């Protein structure tokens, strides 16, 4: 198992719209594609309180590439994402890290 950690920094004032998009649109589309989320967090104390961090679980890099690329190309996702951004962009930038658990990690 590998894990993907993604950190989205929202445009100022747009974090509620980003959270709503994940809750009402993105998670349902992921479910239909077999994309497994580990968890979601907002930043309570840190560099910015405009961040959403989440983790995804993958069996392999090949699974990640196949499922993520299919999701990103999905016409339904493209249309719904555009609709949520009709009042302007939601995300200022995204960082992405692929992680492998150590032998002593509680999560394998």
PDB file of N, CA and C in Angstrom:
ATOM      1  N   UNK A   1       0.855  -1.178   0.000  1.00  0.00           N
ATOM      2  CA  UNK A   1       0.000   0.000   0.000  1.00  0.00           C
ATOM      3  C   UNK A   1       0.899   1.238   0.000  1.00  0.00           C
ATOM      4  N   UNK A   2       0.510   2.225  -0.799  1.00  0.00           N
ATOM      5  CA  UNK A   2       1.174   3.522  -0.764  1.00  0.00           C
ATOM      6  C   UNK A   2       0.110   4.576  -0.468  1.00  0.00           C
ATOM      7  N   UNK A   3       0.563   5.718  -0.015  1.00  0.00           N
ATOM      8  CA  UNK A   3      -0.357   6.790   0.360  1.00  0.00           C
ATOM      9  C   UNK A   3       0.026   8.056  -0.381  1.00  0.00           C
ATOM     10  N   UNK A   4      -0.988   8.796  -0.743  1.00  0.00           N
ATOM     11  CA  UNK A   4      -0.785  10.072  -1.408  1.00  0.00           C
ATOM     12  C   UNK A   4      -1.323  11.167  -0.497  1.00  0.00           C
ATOM     13  N   UNK A   5      -0.455  12.120  -0.176  1.00  0.00           N
ATOM     14  CA  UNK A   5      -0.872  13.260   0.630  1.00  0.00           C
ATOM     15  C   UNK A   5      -0.950  14.470  -0.298  1.00  0.00           C
ATOM     16  N   UNK A   6      -2.108  15.100  -0.299  1.00  0.00           N
ATOM     17  CA  UNK A   6      -2.330  16.278  -1.130  1.00  0.00           C
ATOM     18  C   UNK A   6      -2.727  17.433  -0.230  1.00  0.00           C
ATOM     19  N   UNK A   7      -2.117  18.581  -0.461  1.00  0.00           N
ATOM     20  CA  UNK A   7      -2.421  19.788   0.307  1.00  0.00           C
ATOM     21  C   UNK A   7      -2.893  20.853  -0.677  1.00  0.00           C
ATOM     22  N   UNK A   8      -4.128  21.300  -0.465  1.00  0.00           N
ATOM     23  CA  UNK A   8      -4.714  22.345  -1.301  1.00  0.00           C
ATOM     24  C   UNK A   8      -4.730  23.638  -0.490  1.00  0.00           C
ATOM     25  N   UNK A   9      -4.133  24.665  -1.031  1.00  0.00           N
ATOM     26  CA  UNK A   9      -4.238  25.989  -0.410  1.00  0.00           C
ATOM     27  C   UNK A   9      -5.316  26.753  -1.167  1.00  0.00           C
ATOM     28  N   UNK A  10      -6.361  27.099  -0.450  1.00  0.00           N
ATOM     29  CA  UNK A  10      -7.507  27.777  -1.068  1.00  0.00           C
ATOM     30  C   UNK A  10      -7.195  29.249  -1.318  1.00  0.00           C
ATOM     31  N   UNK A  11      -7.848  29.778  -2.318  1.00  0.00           N
ATOM     32  CA  UNK A  11      -7.843  31.213  -2.552  1.00  0.00           C
ATOM     33  C   UNK A  11      -8.480  31.852  -1.309  1.00  0.00           C
ATOM     34  N   UNK A  12      -7.959  32.982  -0.807  1.00  0.00           N
ATOM     35  CA  UNK A  12      -8.548  33.597   0.393  1.00  0.00           C
ATOM     36  C   UNK A  12     -10.068  33.714   0.297  1.00  0.00           C
ATOM     37  N   UNK A  13     -10.734  33.244   1.349  1.00  0.00           N
ATOM     38  CA  UNK A  13     -12.187  33.289   1.439  1.00  0.00           C
ATOM     39  C   UNK A  13     -12.903  32.137   0.745  1.00  0.00           C
ATOM     40  N   UNK A  14     -12.156  31.230   0.071  1.00  0.00           N
ATOM     41  CA  UNK A  14     -12.797  30.179  -0.727  1.00  0.00           C
ATOM     42  C   UNK A  14     -12.692  28.779  -0.121  1.00  0.00           C
ATOM     43  N   UNK A  15     -12.099  28.657   1.086  1.00  0.00           N
ATOM     44  CA  UNK A  15     -12.001  27.336   1.705  1.00  0.00           C
ATOM     45  C   UNK A  15     -13.378  26.685   1.892  1.00  0.00           C
ATOM     46  N   UNK A  16     -14.411  27.404   2.344  1.00  0.00           N
ATOM     47  CA  UNK A  16     -15.733  26.760   2.464  1.00  0.00           C
ATOM     48  C   UNK A  16     -16.224  26.169   1.134  1.00  0.00           C
ATOM     49  N   UNK A  17     -15.975  26.842   0.033  1.00  0.00           N
ATOM     50  CA  UNK A  17     -16.393  26.322  -1.282  1.00  0.00           C
ATOM     51  C   UNK A  17     -15.604  25.059  -1.638  1.00  0.00           C
ATOM     52  N   UNK A  18     -14.316  25.028  -1.296  1.00  0.00           N
ATOM     53  CA  UNK A  18     -13.502  23.844  -1.552  1.00  0.00           C
ATOM     54  C   UNK A  18     -14.000  22.657  -0.733  1.00  0.00           C
ATOM     55  N   UNK A  19     -14.278  22.877   0.530  1.00  0.00           N
ATOM     56  CA  UNK A  19     -14.792  21.809   1.392  1.00  0.00           C
ATOM     57  C   UNK A  19     -16.132  21.283   0.868  1.00  0.00           C
ATOM     58  N   UNK A  20     -16.988  22.196   0.463  1.00  0.00           N
ATOM     59  CA  UNK A  20     -18.300  21.793  -0.054  1.00  0.00           C
ATOM     60  C   UNK A  20     -18.144  20.967  -1.326  1.00  0.00           C
ATOM     61  N   UNK A  21     -17.214  21.356  -2.204  1.00  0.00           N
ATOM     62  CA  UNK A  21     -17.014  20.605  -3.445  1.00  0.00           C
ATOM     63  C   UNK A  21     -16.581  19.172  -3.153  1.00  0.00           C
ATOM     64  N   UNK A  22     -15.648  18.994  -2.205  1.00  0.00           N
ATOM     65  CA  UNK A  22     -15.238  17.635  -1.860  1.00  0.00           C
ATOM     66  C   UNK A  22     -16.407  16.853  -1.277  1.00  0.00           C
ATOM     67  N   UNK A  23     -17.115  17.461  -0.334  1.00  0.00           N
ATOM     68  CA  UNK A  23     -18.187  16.753   0.368  1.00  0.00           C
ATOM     69  C   UNK A  23     -19.347  16.378  -0.547  1.00  0.00           C
ATOM     70  N   UNK A  24     -19.723  17.252  -1.468  1.00  0.00           N
ATOM     71  CA  UNK A  24     -20.937  17.031  -2.241  1.00  0.00           C
ATOM     72  C   UNK A  24     -20.707  16.515  -3.665  1.00  0.00           C
ATOM     73  N   UNK A  25     -19.475  16.617  -4.165  1.00  0.00           N
ATOM     74  CA  UNK A  25     -19.219  16.218  -5.552  1.00  0.00           C
ATOM     75  C   UNK A  25     -18.081  15.205  -5.654  1.00  0.00           C
ATOM     76  N   UNK A  26     -16.900  15.621  -5.216  1.00  0.00           N
ATOM     77  CA  UNK A  26     -15.689  14.832  -5.460  1.00  0.00           C
ATOM     78  C   UNK A  26     -15.752  13.442  -4.845  1.00  0.00           C
ATOM     79  N   UNK A  27     -16.156  13.351  -3.587  1.00  0.00           N
ATOM     80  CA  UNK A  27     -16.149  12.044  -2.913  1.00  0.00           C
ATOM     81  C   UNK A  27     -17.058  11.038  -3.601  1.00  0.00           C
ATOM     82  N   UNK A  28     -18.185  11.473  -4.103  1.00  0.00           N
ATOM     83  CA  UNK A  28     -19.096  10.555  -4.805  1.00  0.00           C
ATOM     84  C   UNK A  28     -18.476  10.069  -6.111  1.00  0.00           C
ATOM     85  N   UNK A  29     -17.825  10.958  -6.820  1.00  0.00           N
ATOM     86  CA  UNK A  29     -17.161  10.555  -8.062  1.00  0.00           C
ATOM     87  C   UNK A  29     -15.999   9.602  -7.772  1.00  0.00           C
ATOM     88  N   UNK A  30     -15.268   9.845  -6.695  1.00  0.00           N
ATOM     89  CA  UNK A  30     -14.184   8.929  -6.314  1.00  0.00           C
ATOM     90  C   UNK A  30     -14.741   7.547  -6.006  1.00  0.00           C
ATOM     91  N   UNK A  31     -15.850   7.518  -5.296  1.00  0.00           N
ATOM     92  CA  UNK A  31     -16.449   6.239  -4.914  1.00  0.00           C
ATOM     93  C   UNK A  31     -16.754   5.404  -6.149  1.00  0.00           C
ATOM     94  N   UNK A  32     -17.295   6.019  -7.184  1.00  0.00           N
ATOM     95  CA  UNK A  32     -17.632   5.275  -8.398  1.00  0.00           C
ATOM     96  C   UNK A  32     -16.393   4.786  -9.134  1.00  0.00           C
ATOM     97  N   UNK A  33     -15.250   5.419  -8.894  1.00  0.00           N
ATOM     98  CA  UNK A  33     -13.999   5.044  -9.555  1.00  0.00           C
ATOM     99  C   UNK A  33     -13.100   4.169  -8.675  1.00  0.00           C
ATOM    100  N   UNK A  34     -13.523   3.910  -7.440  1.00  0.00           N
ATOM    101  CA  UNK A  34     -12.715   3.080  -6.554  1.00  0.00           C
ATOM    102  C   UNK A  34     -11.529   3.798  -5.948  1.00  0.00           C
ATOM    103  N   UNK A  35     -11.583   5.118  -5.864  1.00  0.00           N
ATOM    104  CA  UNK A  35     -10.515   5.894  -5.225  1.00  0.00           C
ATOM    105  C   UNK A  35     -10.814   5.942  -3.733  1.00  0.00           C
ATOM    106  N   UNK A  36      -9.841   5.472  -2.919  1.00  0.00           N
ATOM    107  CA  UNK A  36     -10.055   5.327  -1.471  1.00  0.00           C
ATOM    108  C   UNK A  36      -9.392   6.462  -0.702  1.00  0.00           C
ATOM    109  N   UNK A  37     -10.208   7.222   0.011  1.00  0.00           N
ATOM    110  CA  UNK A  37      -9.663   8.273   0.862  1.00  0.00           C
ATOM    111  C   UNK A  37      -9.350   7.723   2.248  1.00  0.00           C
ATOM    112  N   UNK A  38      -8.258   8.216   2.828  1.00  0.00           N
ATOM    113  CA  UNK A  38      -7.857   7.845   4.185  1.00  0.00           C
ATOM    114  C   UNK A  38      -8.431   8.851   5.173  1.00  0.00           C
ATOM    115  N   UNK A  39      -8.397  10.128   4.812  1.00  0.00           N
ATOM    116  CA  UNK A  39      -8.921  11.164   5.695  1.00  0.00           C
ATOM    117  C   UNK A  39      -8.689  12.548   5.122  1.00  0.00           C
ATOM    118  N   UNK A  40      -9.395  13.507   5.712  1.00  0.00           N
ATOM    119  CA  UNK A  40      -9.301  14.917   5.334  1.00  0.00           C
ATOM    120  C   UNK A  40      -9.073  15.743   6.585  1.00  0.00           C
ATOM    121  N   UNK A  41      -8.265  16.794   6.474  1.00  0.00           N
ATOM    122  CA  UNK A  41      -7.970  17.668   7.604  1.00  0.00           C
ATOM    123  C   UNK A  41      -7.885  19.107   7.122  1.00  0.00           C
ATOM    124  N   UNK A  42      -8.342  20.023   7.952  1.00  0.00           N
ATOM    125  CA  UNK A  42      -8.066  21.441   7.743  1.00  0.00           C
ATOM    126  C   UNK A  42      -6.983  21.833   8.737  1.00  0.00           C
ATOM    127  N   UNK A  43      -6.246  22.880   8.413  1.00  0.00           N
ATOM    128  CA  UNK A  43      -5.133  23.318   9.252  1.00  0.00           C
ATOM    129  C   UNK A  43      -5.653  24.168  10.392  1.00  0.00           C
ATOM    130  N   UNK A  44      -5.435  23.697  11.609  1.00  0.00           N
ATOM    131  CA  UNK A  44      -5.820  24.432  12.811  1.00  0.00           C
ATOM    132  C   UNK A  44      -4.698  25.379  13.226  1.00  0.00           C
ATOM    133  N   UNK A  45      -3.471  24.862  13.251  1.00  0.00           N
ATOM    134  CA  UNK A  45      -2.293  25.660  13.575  1.00  0.00           C
ATOM    135  C   UNK A  45      -1.234  25.315  12.532  1.00  0.00           C
ATOM    136  N   UNK A  46      -0.669  26.308  11.899  1.00  0.00           N
ATOM    137  CA  UNK A  46       0.342  26.060  10.875  1.00  0.00           C
ATOM    138  C   UNK A  46       0.576  27.300  10.048  1.00  0.00           C
ATOM    139  N   UNK A  47       1.207  27.083   8.914  1.00  0.00           N
ATOM    140  CA  UNK A  47       1.570  28.202   8.051  1.00  0.00           C
ATOM    141  C   UNK A  47       0.346  28.947   7.527  1.00  0.00           C
ATOM    142  N   UNK A  48      -0.734  28.212   7.232  1.00  0.00           N
ATOM    143  CA  UNK A  48      -1.932  28.839   6.671  1.00  0.00           C
ATOM    144  C   UNK A  48      -3.177  28.095   7.132  1.00  0.00           C
ATOM    145  N   UNK A  49      -4.198  28.838   7.527  1.00  0.00           N
ATOM    146  CA  UNK A  49      -5.471  28.207   7.870  1.00  0.00           C
ATOM    147  C   UNK A  49      -6.384  28.121   6.646  1.00  0.00           C
ATOM    148  N   UNK A  50      -5.808  28.321   5.468  1.00  0.00           N
ATOM    149  CA  UNK A  50      -6.556  28.231   4.215  1.00  0.00           C
ATOM    150  C   UNK A  50      -6.244  26.916   3.498  1.00  0.00           C
ATOM    151  N   UNK A  51      -5.759  25.911   4.268  1.00  0.00           N
ATOM    152  CA  UNK A  51      -5.342  24.653   3.669  1.00  0.00           C
ATOM    153  C   UNK A  51      -6.295  23.504   3.988  1.00  0.00           C
ATOM    154  N   UNK A  52      -6.424  22.626   3.000  1.00  0.00           N
ATOM    155  CA  UNK A  52      -7.097  21.345   3.162  1.00  0.00           C
ATOM    156  C   UNK A  52      -6.070  20.276   2.814  1.00  0.00           C
ATOM    157  N   UNK A  53      -5.844  19.348   3.745  1.00  0.00           N
ATOM    158  CA  UNK A  53      -4.924  18.241   3.520  1.00  0.00           C
ATOM    159  C   UNK A  53      -5.739  16.958   3.500  1.00  0.00           C
ATOM    160  N   UNK A  54      -5.440  16.093   2.540  1.00  0.00           N
ATOM    161  CA  UNK A  54      -6.107  14.796   2.544  1.00  0.00           C
ATOM    162  C   UNK A  54      -5.142  13.725   2.075  1.00  0.00           C
ATOM    163  N   UNK A  55      -5.490  12.478   2.401  1.00  0.00           N
ATOM    164  CA  UNK A  55      -4.680  11.336   1.987  1.00  0.00           C
ATOM    165  C   UNK A  55      -5.548  10.326   1.264  1.00  0.00           C
ATOM    166  N   UNK A  56      -4.943   9.716   0.247  1.00  0.00           N
ATOM    167  CA  UNK A  56      -5.559   8.644  -0.509  1.00  0.00           C
ATOM    168  C   UNK A  56      -4.712   7.393  -0.357  1.00  0.00           C
ATOM    169  N   UNK A  57      -5.331   6.232  -0.412  1.00  0.00           N
ATOM    170  CA  UNK A  57      -4.621   4.955  -0.317  1.00  0.00           C
ATOM    171  C   UNK A  57      -4.662   4.273  -1.681  1.00  0.00           C
ATOM    172  N   UNK A  58      -3.505   3.786  -2.106  1.00  0.00           N
ATOM    173  CA  UNK A  58      -3.381   3.109  -3.393  1.00  0.00           C
ATOM    174  C   UNK A  58      -2.658   1.781  -3.203  1.00  0.00           C
ATOM    175  N   UNK A  59      -3.017   0.795  -4.016  1.00  0.00           N
ATOM    176  CA  UNK A  59      -2.312  -0.485  -4.007  1.00  0.00           C
ATOM    177  C   UNK A  59      -0.942  -0.355  -4.660  1.00  0.00           C
ATOM    178  N   UNK A  60      -0.836   0.543  -5.660  1.00  0.00           N
ATOM    179  CA  UNK A  60       0.415   0.698  -6.400  1.00  0.00           C
ATOM    180  C   UNK A  60       0.402   2.025  -7.150  1.00  0.00           C
ATOM    181  N   UNK A  61       1.553   2.415  -7.673  1.00  0.00           N
ATOM    182  CA  UNK A  61       1.619   3.610  -8.513  1.00  0.00           C
ATOM    183  C   UNK A  61       0.825   3.409  -9.807  1.00  0.00           C
ATOM    184  N   UNK A  62       0.811   2.187 -10.302  1.00  0.00           N
ATOM    185  CA  UNK A  62       0.042   1.899 -11.515  1.00  0.00           C
ATOM    186  C   UNK A  62      -1.450   2.102 -11.284  1.00  0.00           C
ATOM    187  N   UNK A  63      -1.954   1.641 -10.123  1.00  0.00           N
ATOM    188  CA  UNK A  63      -3.369   1.857  -9.809  1.00  0.00           C
ATOM    189  C   UNK A  63      -3.657   3.345  -9.703  1.00  0.00           C
ATOM    190  N   UNK A  64      -2.769   4.070  -9.042  1.00  0.00           N
ATOM    191  CA  UNK A  64      -2.957   5.507  -8.872  1.00  0.00           C
ATOM    192  C   UNK A  64      -3.019   6.202 -10.234  1.00  0.00           C
ATOM    193  N   UNK A  65      -2.083   5.869 -11.101  1.00  0.00           N
ATOM    194  CA  UNK A  65      -2.047   6.502 -12.415  1.00  0.00           C
ATOM    195  C   UNK A  65      -3.326   6.219 -13.201  1.00  0.00           C
ATOM    196  N   UNK A  66      -3.759   4.986 -13.221  1.00  0.00           N
ATOM    197  CA  UNK A  66      -4.947   4.608 -13.990  1.00  0.00           C
ATOM    198  C   UNK A  66      -6.200   5.302 -13.444  1.00  0.00           C
ATOM    199  N   UNK A  67      -6.435   5.181 -12.146  1.00  0.00           N
ATOM    200  CA  UNK A  67      -7.668   5.728 -11.559  1.00  0.00           C
ATOM    201  C   UNK A  67      -7.665   7.251 -11.509  1.00  0.00           C
ATOM    202  N   UNK A  68      -6.534   7.855 -11.162  1.00  0.00           N
ATOM    203  CA  UNK A  68      -6.478   9.322 -11.055  1.00  0.00           C
ATOM    204  C   UNK A  68      -6.636   9.960 -12.440  1.00  0.00           C
ATOM    205  N   UNK A  69      -5.951   9.407 -13.430  1.00  0.00           N
ATOM    206  CA  UNK A  69      -6.069   9.967 -14.777  1.00  0.00           C
ATOM    207  C   UNK A  69      -7.488   9.837 -15.316  1.00  0.00           C
ATOM    208  N   UNK A  70      -8.136   8.711 -15.046  1.00  0.00           N
ATOM    209  CA  UNK A  70      -9.525   8.531 -15.472  1.00  0.00           C
ATOM    210  C   UNK A  70     -10.437   9.542 -14.784  1.00  0.00           C
ATOM    211  N   UNK A  71     -10.222   9.770 -13.496  1.00  0.00           N
ATOM    212  CA  UNK A  71     -11.022  10.752 -12.758  1.00  0.00           C
ATOM    213  C   UNK A  71     -10.821  12.156 -13.342  1.00  0.00           C
ATOM    214  N   UNK A  72      -9.576  12.550 -13.539  1.00  0.00           N
ATOM    215  CA  UNK A  72      -9.288  13.900 -14.030  1.00  0.00           C
ATOM    216  C   UNK A  72      -9.854  14.147 -15.436  1.00  0.00           C
ATOM    217  N   UNK A  73     -10.002  13.089 -16.223  1.00  0.00           N
ATOM    218  CA  UNK A  73     -10.538  13.221 -17.582  1.00  0.00           C
ATOM    219  C   UNK A  73     -12.056  13.025 -17.651  1.00  0.00           C
ATOM    220  N   UNK A  74     -12.683  12.689 -16.532  1.00  0.00           N
ATOM    221  CA  UNK A  74     -14.121  12.412 -16.495  1.00  0.00           C
ATOM    222  C   UNK A  74     -14.903  13.682 -16.847  1.00  0.00           C
ATOM    223  N   UNK A  75     -15.720  13.645 -17.902  1.00  0.00           N
ATOM    224  CA  UNK A  75     -16.491  14.830 -18.289  1.00  0.00           C
ATOM    225  C   UNK A  75     -17.406  15.344 -17.165  1.00  0.00           C
ATOM    226  N   UNK A  76     -17.946  14.438 -16.357  1.00  0.00           N
ATOM    227  CA  UNK A  76     -18.800  14.880 -15.249  1.00  0.00           C
ATOM    228  C   UNK A  76     -17.991  15.697 -14.241  1.00  0.00           C
ATOM    229  N   UNK A  77     -16.777  15.232 -13.902  1.00  0.00           N
ATOM    230  CA  UNK A  77     -15.914  15.971 -12.975  1.00  0.00           C
ATOM    231  C   UNK A  77     -15.535  17.324 -13.569  1.00  0.00           C
ATOM    232  N   UNK A  78     -15.161  17.346 -14.824  1.00  0.00           N
ATOM    233  CA  UNK A  78     -14.746  18.596 -15.471  1.00  0.00           C
ATOM    234  C   UNK A  78     -15.889  19.607 -15.438  1.00  0.00           C
ATOM    235  N   UNK A  79     -17.107  19.166 -15.729  1.00  0.00           N
ATOM    236  CA  UNK A  79     -18.267  20.066 -15.736  1.00  0.00           C
ATOM    237  C   UNK A  79     -18.602  20.562 -14.334  1.00  0.00           C
ATOM    238  N   UNK A  80     -18.600  19.650 -13.369  1.00  0.00           N
ATOM    239  CA  UNK A  80     -18.958  20.045 -11.999  1.00  0.00           C
ATOM    240  C   UNK A  80     -17.883  20.926 -11.377  1.00  0.00           C
ATOM    241  N   UNK A  81     -16.625  20.654 -11.671  1.00  0.00           N
ATOM    242  CA  UNK A  81     -15.547  21.515 -11.164  1.00  0.00           C
ATOM    243  C   UNK A  81     -15.709  22.918 -11.739  1.00  0.00           C
ATOM    244  N   UNK A  82     -15.981  23.006 -13.039  1.00  0.00           N
ATOM    245  CA  UNK A  82     -16.184  24.314 -13.669  1.00  0.00           C
ATOM    246  C   UNK A  82     -17.346  25.059 -13.035  1.00  0.00           C
ATOM    247  N   UNK A  83     -18.422  24.354 -12.724  1.00  0.00           N
ATOM    248  CA  UNK A  83     -19.581  24.981 -12.086  1.00  0.00           C
ATOM    249  C   UNK A  83     -19.218  25.554 -10.721  1.00  0.00           C
ATOM    250  N   UNK A  84     -18.405  24.833  -9.948  1.00  0.00           N
ATOM    251  CA  UNK A  84     -18.026  25.327  -8.617  1.00  0.00           C
ATOM    252  C   UNK A  84     -17.082  26.519  -8.696  1.00  0.00           C
ATOM    253  N   UNK A  85     -16.495  26.736  -9.868  1.00  0.00           N
ATOM    254  CA  UNK A  85     -15.556  27.850 -10.037  1.00  0.00           C
ATOM    255  C   UNK A  85     -16.140  28.986 -10.875  1.00  0.00           C
ATOM    256  N   UNK A  86     -17.456  28.996 -11.028  1.00  0.00           N
ATOM    257  CA  UNK A  86     -18.087  30.048 -11.833  1.00  0.00           C
ATOM    258  C   UNK A  86     -17.877  31.435 -11.229  1.00  0.00           C
ATOM    259  N   UNK A  87     -17.668  31.504  -9.911  1.00  0.00           N
ATOM    260  CA  UNK A  87     -17.406  32.785  -9.242  1.00  0.00           C
ATOM    261  C   UNK A  87     -15.916  33.038  -9.061  1.00  0.00           C
ATOM    262  N   UNK A  88     -15.095  32.235  -9.693  1.00  0.00           N
ATOM    263  CA  UNK A  88     -13.647  32.398  -9.605  1.00  0.00           C
ATOM    264  C   UNK A  88     -12.989  31.150  -9.062  1.00  0.00           C
ATOM    265  N   UNK A  89     -11.679  31.086  -9.180  1.00  0.00           N
ATOM    266  CA  UNK A  89     -10.943  29.917  -8.718  1.00  0.00           C
ATOM    267  C   UNK A  89     -11.138  29.659  -7.228  1.00  0.00           C
ATOM    268  N   UNK A  90     -11.039  28.389  -6.851  1.00  0.00           N
ATOM    269  CA  UNK A  90     -11.145  27.970  -5.449  1.00  0.00           C
ATOM    270  C   UNK A  90      -9.754  27.667  -4.891  1.00  0.00           C
ATOM    271  N   UNK A  91      -8.914  27.056  -5.703  1.00  0.00           N
ATOM    272  CA  UNK A  91      -7.606  26.579  -5.246  1.00  0.00           C
ATOM    273  C   UNK A  91      -6.497  27.468  -5.792  1.00  0.00           C
ATOM    274  N   UNK A  92      -5.629  27.944  -4.887  1.00  0.00           N
ATOM    275  CA  UNK A  92      -4.481  28.752  -5.295  1.00  0.00           C
ATOM    276  C   UNK A  92      -3.332  27.859  -5.743  1.00  0.00           C
ATOM    277  N   UNK A  93      -3.054  26.787  -4.982  1.00  0.00           N
ATOM    278  CA  UNK A  93      -2.024  25.837  -5.386  1.00  0.00           C
ATOM    279  C   UNK A  93      -2.207  24.508  -4.666  1.00  0.00           C
ATOM    280  N   UNK A  94      -1.570  23.480  -5.227  1.00  0.00           N
ATOM    281  CA  UNK A  94      -1.665  22.117  -4.705  1.00  0.00           C
ATOM    282  C   UNK A  94      -0.261  21.557  -4.574  1.00  0.00           C
ATOM    283  N   UNK A  95       0.018  20.888  -3.444  1.00  0.00           N
ATOM    284  CA  UNK A  95       1.240  20.103  -3.328  1.00  0.00           C
ATOM    285  C   UNK A  95       0.834  18.646  -3.189  1.00  0.00           C
ATOM    286  N   UNK A  96       1.683  17.778  -3.707  1.00  0.00           N
ATOM    287  CA  UNK A  96       1.350  16.364  -3.792  1.00  0.00           C
ATOM    288  C   UNK A  96       2.582  15.553  -3.426  1.00  0.00           C
ATOM    289  N   UNK A  97       2.403  14.569  -2.534  1.00  0.00           N
ATOM    290  CA  UNK A  97       3.497  13.714  -2.103  1.00  0.00           C
ATOM    291  C   UNK A  97       3.005  12.274  -2.074  1.00  0.00           C
ATOM    292  N   UNK A  98       3.807  11.355  -2.632  1.00  0.00           N
ATOM    293  CA  UNK A  98       3.500   9.925  -2.564  1.00  0.00           C
ATOM    294  C   UNK A  98       4.386   9.333  -1.470  1.00  0.00           C
ATOM    295  N   UNK A  99       3.761   8.630  -0.529  1.00  0.00           N
ATOM    296  CA  UNK A  99       4.458   8.110   0.649  1.00  0.00           C
ATOM    297  C   UNK A  99       4.388   6.592   0.704  1.00  0.00           C
ATOM    298  N   UNK A 100       5.480   5.983   1.167  1.00  0.00           N
ATOM    299  CA  UNK A 100       5.514   4.538   1.398  1.00  0.00           C
ATOM    300  C   UNK A 100       5.689   4.311   2.888  1.00  0.00           C
ATOM    301  N   UNK A 101       4.884   3.444   3.512  1.00  0.00           N
ATOM    302  CA  UNK A 101       5.007   3.219   4.956  1.00  0.00           C
ATOM    303  C   UNK A 101       6.312   2.496   5.293  1.00  0.00           C
ATOM    304  N   UNK A 102       6.845   2.820   6.451  1.00  0.00           N
ATOM    305  CA  UNK A 102       8.024   2.118   6.956  1.00  0.00           C
ATOM    306  C   UNK A 102       7.611   0.771   7.526  1.00  0.00           C
ATOM    307  N   UNK A 103       8.586  -0.068   7.825  1.00  0.00           N
ATOM    308  CA  UNK A 103       8.309  -1.383   8.408  1.00  0.00           C
ATOM    309  C   UNK A 103       7.619  -1.259   9.754  1.00  0.00           C
ATOM    310  N   UNK A 104       7.830  -0.160  10.468  1.00  0.00           N
ATOM    311  CA  UNK A 104       7.274  -0.008  11.818  1.00  0.00           C
ATOM    312  C   UNK A 104       6.056   0.923  11.849  1.00  0.00           C
ATOM    313  N   UNK A 105       5.516   1.278  10.696  1.00  0.00           N
ATOM    314  CA  UNK A 105       4.353   2.153  10.637  1.00  0.00           C
ATOM    315  C   UNK A 105       3.082   1.425  11.060  1.00  0.00           C
ATOM    316  N   UNK A 106       2.213   2.119  11.796  1.00  0.00           N
ATOM    317  CA  UNK A 106       0.914   1.546  12.165  1.00  0.00           C
ATOM    318  C   UNK A 106       0.047   1.339  10.928  1.00  0.00           C
ATOM    319  N   UNK A 107       0.193   2.209   9.945  1.00  0.00           N
ATOM    320  CA  UNK A 107      -0.529   2.067   8.679  1.00  0.00           C
ATOM    321  C   UNK A 107       0.406   1.382   7.691  1.00  0.00           C
ATOM    322  N   UNK A 108      -0.057   0.307   7.110  1.00  0.00           N
ATOM    323  CA  UNK A 108       0.757  -0.453   6.139  1.00  0.00           C
ATOM    324  C   UNK A 108       0.210  -0.292   4.754  1.00  0.00           C
TER     325      UNK A 108
END
